Amino acid sequence: MVTSNQIKQKIKEVIKYLRDVCGCDVVERHDNHHVISFTPPNGMTGVITLSSTPRTFEGWVQHLKQHLRKEMLRVGFSDSETKDMKRAIRLITITDGVETSKFDNLLSYCFTRKSLSPYQINELCRDRMEGFSYNYLTEKYGVSKSTIYNILKENGLIGQES
């Protein structure tokens, strides 16, 4: 059975994401359905309408993510931004204060990741070819091991050890 608290909490997560991460103005209404309107800085408005009485919570969340992604793409967000949204919303359903702080930390991590410049990518590849460890590279460049692995793979350096 789906509780109204589960739905309210997930809607809070989405509103927090849209406001804090995407910089949108957000308005929520609740009549027979939950309606979330959001306006990113470009001025276009997206609207998500969700059932107030879903059969399963998992199905409801899946519908929410699909509908939100479609609306975000329609109003001008990039495909990568919508993938980050799906990851952030998928990770935690907040149930108490401890989980809330974990979710805030996770959002902060997911959306403050930095991209490396082409120069940094070249330096990273050179560092790895010189034998520096993955742990050293993660600290030096401030990115995850998987990001380093993907960069090295894209540049044909996976499997080359010095």
C-alpha atoms as a PDB file:
ATOM      1  CA  MET A   1       0.000   0.000   0.000  1.00  0.00           C
ATOM      2  CA  VAL A   2       1.252   3.447  -0.913  1.00  0.00           C
ATOM      3  CA  THR A   3       1.125   6.030   1.853  1.00  0.00           C
ATOM      4  CA  SER A   4       0.563   9.727   1.300  1.00  0.00           C
ATOM      5  CA  ASN A   5       3.789  10.379   3.240  1.00  0.00           C
ATOM      6  CA  GLN A   6       5.790   8.434   0.650  1.00  0.00           C
ATOM      7  CA  ILE A   7       4.289  10.525  -2.137  1.00  0.00           C
ATOM      8  CA  LYS A   8       4.751  13.813  -0.276  1.00  0.00           C
ATOM      9  CA  GLN A   9       8.373  12.978   0.476  1.00  0.00           C
ATOM     10  CA  LYS A  10       9.191  12.093  -3.121  1.00  0.00           C
ATOM     11  CA  ILE A  11       7.529  15.308  -4.315  1.00  0.00           C
ATOM     12  CA  LYS A  12       9.678  17.240  -1.804  1.00  0.00           C
ATOM     13  CA  GLU A  13      12.784  15.587  -3.291  1.00  0.00           C
ATOM     14  CA  VAL A  14      11.769  16.599  -6.815  1.00  0.00           C
ATOM     15  CA  ILE A  15      10.990  20.176  -5.778  1.00  0.00           C
ATOM     16  CA  LYS A  16      14.306  20.395  -3.883  1.00  0.00           C
ATOM     17  CA  TYR A  17      16.138  19.107  -6.962  1.00  0.00           C
ATOM     18  CA  LEU A  18      14.393  21.538  -9.325  1.00  0.00           C
ATOM     19  CA  ARG A  19      14.946  24.535  -7.032  1.00  0.00           C
ATOM     20  CA  ASP A  20      18.386  23.907  -5.556  1.00  0.00           C
ATOM     21  CA  VAL A  21      20.145  22.134  -8.392  1.00  0.00           C
ATOM     22  CA  CYS A  22      18.412  23.377 -11.545  1.00  0.00           C
ATOM     23  CA  GLY A  23      17.616  26.905 -10.367  1.00  0.00           C
ATOM     24  CA  CYS A  24      13.933  26.648 -11.313  1.00  0.00           C
ATOM     25  CA  ASP A  25      10.981  28.484  -9.848  1.00  0.00           C
ATOM     26  CA  VAL A  26       8.613  25.725  -8.672  1.00  0.00           C
ATOM     27  CA  VAL A  27       4.895  25.732  -7.832  1.00  0.00           C
ATOM     28  CA  GLU A  28       3.077  22.694  -6.442  1.00  0.00           C
ATOM     29  CA  ARG A  29      -0.708  22.214  -6.493  1.00  0.00           C
ATOM     30  CA  HIS A  30      -2.786  19.355  -5.220  1.00  0.00           C
ATOM     31  CA  ASP A  31      -6.374  18.841  -6.326  1.00  0.00           C
ATOM     32  CA  ASN A  32      -7.305  15.363  -7.516  1.00  0.00           C
ATOM     33  CA  HIS A  33      -3.740  15.053  -8.797  1.00  0.00           C
ATOM     34  CA  HIS A  34      -0.343  16.382  -7.789  1.00  0.00           C
ATOM     35  CA  VAL A  35       0.763  19.089 -10.206  1.00  0.00           C
ATOM     36  CA  ILE A  36       4.306  20.472 -10.226  1.00  0.00           C
ATOM     37  CA  SER A  37       5.072  23.453 -12.478  1.00  0.00           C
ATOM     38  CA  PHE A  38       8.678  24.523 -12.923  1.00  0.00           C
ATOM     39  CA  THR A  39      10.303  27.382 -14.805  1.00  0.00           C
ATOM     40  CA  PRO A  40      14.062  27.249 -15.465  1.00  0.00           C
ATOM     41  CA  PRO A  41      16.083  30.442 -16.063  1.00  0.00           C
ATOM     42  CA  ASN A  42      15.291  30.285 -19.807  1.00  0.00           C
ATOM     43  CA  GLY A  43      11.637  31.165 -19.000  1.00  0.00           C
ATOM     44  CA  MET A  44       9.935  28.098 -20.489  1.00  0.00           C
ATOM     45  CA  THR A  45       7.516  26.278 -18.173  1.00  0.00           C
ATOM     46  CA  GLY A  46       7.287  22.541 -17.609  1.00  0.00           C
ATOM     47  CA  VAL A  47       4.329  20.823 -15.933  1.00  0.00           C
ATOM     48  CA  ILE A  48       4.148  17.359 -14.364  1.00  0.00           C
ATOM     49  CA  THR A  49       0.802  15.854 -13.349  1.00  0.00           C
ATOM     50  CA  LEU A  50       0.815  12.796 -11.076  1.00  0.00           C
ATOM     51  CA  SER A  51      -1.838  10.582  -9.557  1.00  0.00           C
ATOM     52  CA  SER A  52      -2.706  11.060  -5.886  1.00  0.00           C
ATOM     53  CA  THR A  53      -3.746   7.414  -5.514  1.00  0.00           C
ATOM     54  CA  PRO A  54      -1.244   5.159  -7.304  1.00  0.00           C
ATOM     55  CA  ARG A  55      -1.395   1.368  -7.092  1.00  0.00           C
ATOM     56  CA  THR A  56       2.317   0.945  -6.345  1.00  0.00           C
ATOM     57  CA  PHE A  57       4.907   3.404  -5.164  1.00  0.00           C
ATOM     58  CA  GLU A  58       7.601   2.037  -7.492  1.00  0.00           C
ATOM     59  CA  GLY A  59       5.337   2.453 -10.525  1.00  0.00           C
ATOM     60  CA  TRP A  60       4.432   5.963  -9.432  1.00  0.00           C
ATOM     61  CA  VAL A  61       8.114   6.935  -9.013  1.00  0.00           C
ATOM     62  CA  GLN A  62       8.958   5.461 -12.430  1.00  0.00           C
ATOM     63  CA  HIS A  63       6.159   7.496 -14.030  1.00  0.00           C
ATOM     64  CA  LEU A  64       7.389  10.596 -12.168  1.00  0.00           C
ATOM     65  CA  LYS A  65      10.964  10.196 -13.451  1.00  0.00           C
ATOM     66  CA  GLN A  66       9.874   9.534 -17.050  1.00  0.00           C
ATOM     67  CA  HIS A  67       7.452  12.453 -17.117  1.00  0.00           C
ATOM     68  CA  LEU A  68       9.923  14.821 -15.438  1.00  0.00           C
ATOM     69  CA  ARG A  69      12.695  13.851 -17.870  1.00  0.00           C
ATOM     70  CA  LYS A  70      10.437  14.430 -20.872  1.00  0.00           C
ATOM     71  CA  GLU A  71       9.396  17.856 -19.572  1.00  0.00           C
ATOM     72  CA  MET A  72      12.983  18.828 -18.719  1.00  0.00           C
ATOM     73  CA  LEU A  73      14.100  17.971 -22.254  1.00  0.00           C
ATOM     74  CA  ARG A  74      11.137  19.885 -23.702  1.00  0.00           C
ATOM     75  CA  VAL A  75      12.006  23.082 -21.799  1.00  0.00           C
ATOM     76  CA  GLY A  76      15.669  23.020 -22.776  1.00  0.00           C
ATOM     77  CA  PHE A  77      17.676  20.889 -20.335  1.00  0.00           C
ATOM     78  CA  SER A  78      20.403  18.732 -21.875  1.00  0.00           C
ATOM     79  CA  ASP A  79      20.245  14.951 -22.014  1.00  0.00           C
ATOM     80  CA  SER A  80      23.099  14.669 -19.486  1.00  0.00           C
ATOM     81  CA  GLU A  81      21.278  16.957 -17.037  1.00  0.00           C
ATOM     82  CA  THR A  82      18.219  14.725 -17.194  1.00  0.00           C
ATOM     83  CA  LYS A  83      20.340  11.625 -16.563  1.00  0.00           C
ATOM     84  CA  ASP A  84      21.778  13.307 -13.449  1.00  0.00           C
ATOM     85  CA  MET A  85      18.210  14.046 -12.345  1.00  0.00           C
ATOM     86  CA  LYS A  86      17.175  10.425 -12.688  1.00  0.00           C
ATOM     87  CA  ARG A  87      20.211   9.285 -10.695  1.00  0.00           C
ATOM     88  CA  ALA A  88      19.605  11.808  -7.915  1.00  0.00           C
ATOM     89  CA  ILE A  89      15.918  11.017  -7.531  1.00  0.00           C
ATOM     90  CA  ARG A  90      16.489   7.252  -7.736  1.00  0.00           C
ATOM     91  CA  LEU A  91      19.030   7.079  -4.947  1.00  0.00           C
ATOM     92  CA  ILE A  92      17.176   7.802  -1.732  1.00  0.00           C
ATOM     93  CA  THR A  93      13.627   8.070  -0.525  1.00  0.00           C
ATOM     94  CA  ILE A  94      13.927  10.321   2.483  1.00  0.00           C
ATOM     95  CA  THR A  95      12.392   8.936   5.658  1.00  0.00           C
ATOM     96  CA  ASP A  96      14.111  10.777   8.507  1.00  0.00           C
ATOM     97  CA  GLY A  97      16.640  13.476   9.352  1.00  0.00           C
ATOM     98  CA  VAL A  98      19.650  11.196   8.914  1.00  0.00           C
ATOM     99  CA  GLU A  99      18.527  10.194   5.427  1.00  0.00           C
ATOM    100  CA  THR A 100      17.811  13.844   4.599  1.00  0.00           C
ATOM    101  CA  SER A 101      21.395  14.856   5.320  1.00  0.00           C
ATOM    102  CA  LYS A 102      22.678  11.863   3.306  1.00  0.00           C
ATOM    103  CA  PHE A 103      20.476  12.936   0.392  1.00  0.00           C
ATOM    104  CA  ASP A 104      21.690  16.547   0.624  1.00  0.00           C
ATOM    105  CA  ASN A 105      25.315  15.348   0.639  1.00  0.00           C
ATOM    106  CA  LEU A 106      24.623  13.101  -2.322  1.00  0.00           C
ATOM    107  CA  LEU A 107      22.973  15.895  -4.312  1.00  0.00           C
ATOM    108  CA  SER A 108      25.896  18.125  -3.500  1.00  0.00           C
ATOM    109  CA  TYR A 109      28.335  15.468  -4.736  1.00  0.00           C
ATOM    110  CA  CYS A 110      26.387  14.630  -7.893  1.00  0.00           C
ATOM    111  CA  PHE A 111      25.960  18.206  -9.019  1.00  0.00           C
ATOM    112  CA  THR A 112      29.208  19.829  -7.973  1.00  0.00           C
ATOM    113  CA  ARG A 113      31.340  17.358  -9.884  1.00  0.00           C
ATOM    114  CA  LYS A 114      33.652  19.168 -12.168  1.00  0.00           C
ATOM    115  CA  SER A 115      34.430  18.376 -15.748  1.00  0.00           C
ATOM    116  CA  LEU A 116      38.032  18.255 -16.776  1.00  0.00           C
ATOM    117  CA  SER A 117      39.327  20.572 -19.458  1.00  0.00           C
ATOM    118  CA  PRO A 118      41.082  19.083 -22.496  1.00  0.00           C
ATOM    119  CA  TYR A 119      44.380  20.236 -20.979  1.00  0.00           C
ATOM    120  CA  GLN A 120      43.617  18.428 -17.692  1.00  0.00           C
ATOM    121  CA  ILE A 121      42.630  15.285 -19.607  1.00  0.00           C
ATOM    122  CA  ASN A 122      46.008  15.330 -21.407  1.00  0.00           C
ATOM    123  CA  GLU A 123      47.786  15.847 -18.072  1.00  0.00           C
ATOM    124  CA  LEU A 124      45.806  13.019 -16.475  1.00  0.00           C
ATOM    125  CA  CYS A 125      46.744  10.650 -19.321  1.00  0.00           C
ATOM    126  CA  ARG A 126      50.404  11.668 -19.022  1.00  0.00           C
ATOM    127  CA  ASP A 127      50.321  11.163 -15.246  1.00  0.00           C
ATOM    128  CA  ARG A 128      48.857   7.687 -15.627  1.00  0.00           C
ATOM    129  CA  MET A 129      51.419   6.767 -18.293  1.00  0.00           C
ATOM    130  CA  GLU A 130      54.108   7.845 -15.817  1.00  0.00           C
ATOM    131  CA  GLY A 131      52.704   5.306 -13.355  1.00  0.00           C
ATOM    132  CA  PHE A 132      50.692   7.421 -10.922  1.00  0.00           C
ATOM    133  CA  SER A 133      47.988   5.429  -9.090  1.00  0.00           C
ATOM    134  CA  TYR A 134      44.249   5.852  -9.584  1.00  0.00           C
ATOM    135  CA  ASN A 135      43.973   7.048  -5.973  1.00  0.00           C
ATOM    136  CA  TYR A 136      46.546   9.764  -6.597  1.00  0.00           C
ATOM    137  CA  LEU A 137      44.764  10.829  -9.791  1.00  0.00           C
ATOM    138  CA  THR A 138      41.371  11.034  -8.044  1.00  0.00           C
ATOM    139  CA  GLU A 139      42.853  13.346  -5.432  1.00  0.00           C
ATOM    140  CA  LYS A 140      44.811  15.461  -7.899  1.00  0.00           C
ATOM    141  CA  TYR A 141      41.952  16.009 -10.369  1.00  0.00           C
ATOM    142  CA  GLY A 142      38.988  15.841  -7.958  1.00  0.00           C
ATOM    143  CA  VAL A 143      37.061  13.234  -9.950  1.00  0.00           C
ATOM    144  CA  SER A 144      35.993   9.659  -9.255  1.00  0.00           C
ATOM    145  CA  LYS A 145      37.908   6.524 -10.211  1.00  0.00           C
ATOM    146  CA  SER A 146      35.208   5.660 -12.730  1.00  0.00           C
ATOM    147  CA  THR A 147      35.651   9.068 -14.393  1.00  0.00           C
ATOM    148  CA  ILE A 148      39.403   8.489 -14.612  1.00  0.00           C
ATOM    149  CA  TYR A 149      38.823   4.988 -15.975  1.00  0.00           C
ATOM    150  CA  ASN A 150      36.426   6.340 -18.628  1.00  0.00           C
ATOM    151  CA  ILE A 151      38.868   9.076 -19.671  1.00  0.00           C
ATOM    152  CA  LEU A 152      41.720   6.590 -19.956  1.00  0.00           C
ATOM    153  CA  LYS A 153      39.517   4.172 -21.886  1.00  0.00           C
ATOM    154  CA  GLU A 154      38.413   6.920 -24.303  1.00  0.00           C
ATOM    155  CA  ASN A 155      42.077   7.778 -24.879  1.00  0.00           C
ATOM    156  CA  GLY A 156      43.157   4.159 -25.407  1.00  0.00           C
ATOM    157  CA  LEU A 157      45.258   3.921 -22.234  1.00  0.00           C
ATOM    158  CA  ILE A 158      43.452   1.189 -20.320  1.00  0.00           C
ATOM    159  CA  GLY A 159      45.730  -1.769 -19.693  1.00  0.00           C
ATOM    160  CA  GLN A 160      48.956   0.178 -20.305  1.00  0.00           C
ATOM    161  CA  GLU A 161      51.120   0.076 -17.212  1.00  0.00           C
ATOM    162  CA  SER A 162      54.585   1.536 -16.954  1.00  0.00           C
END
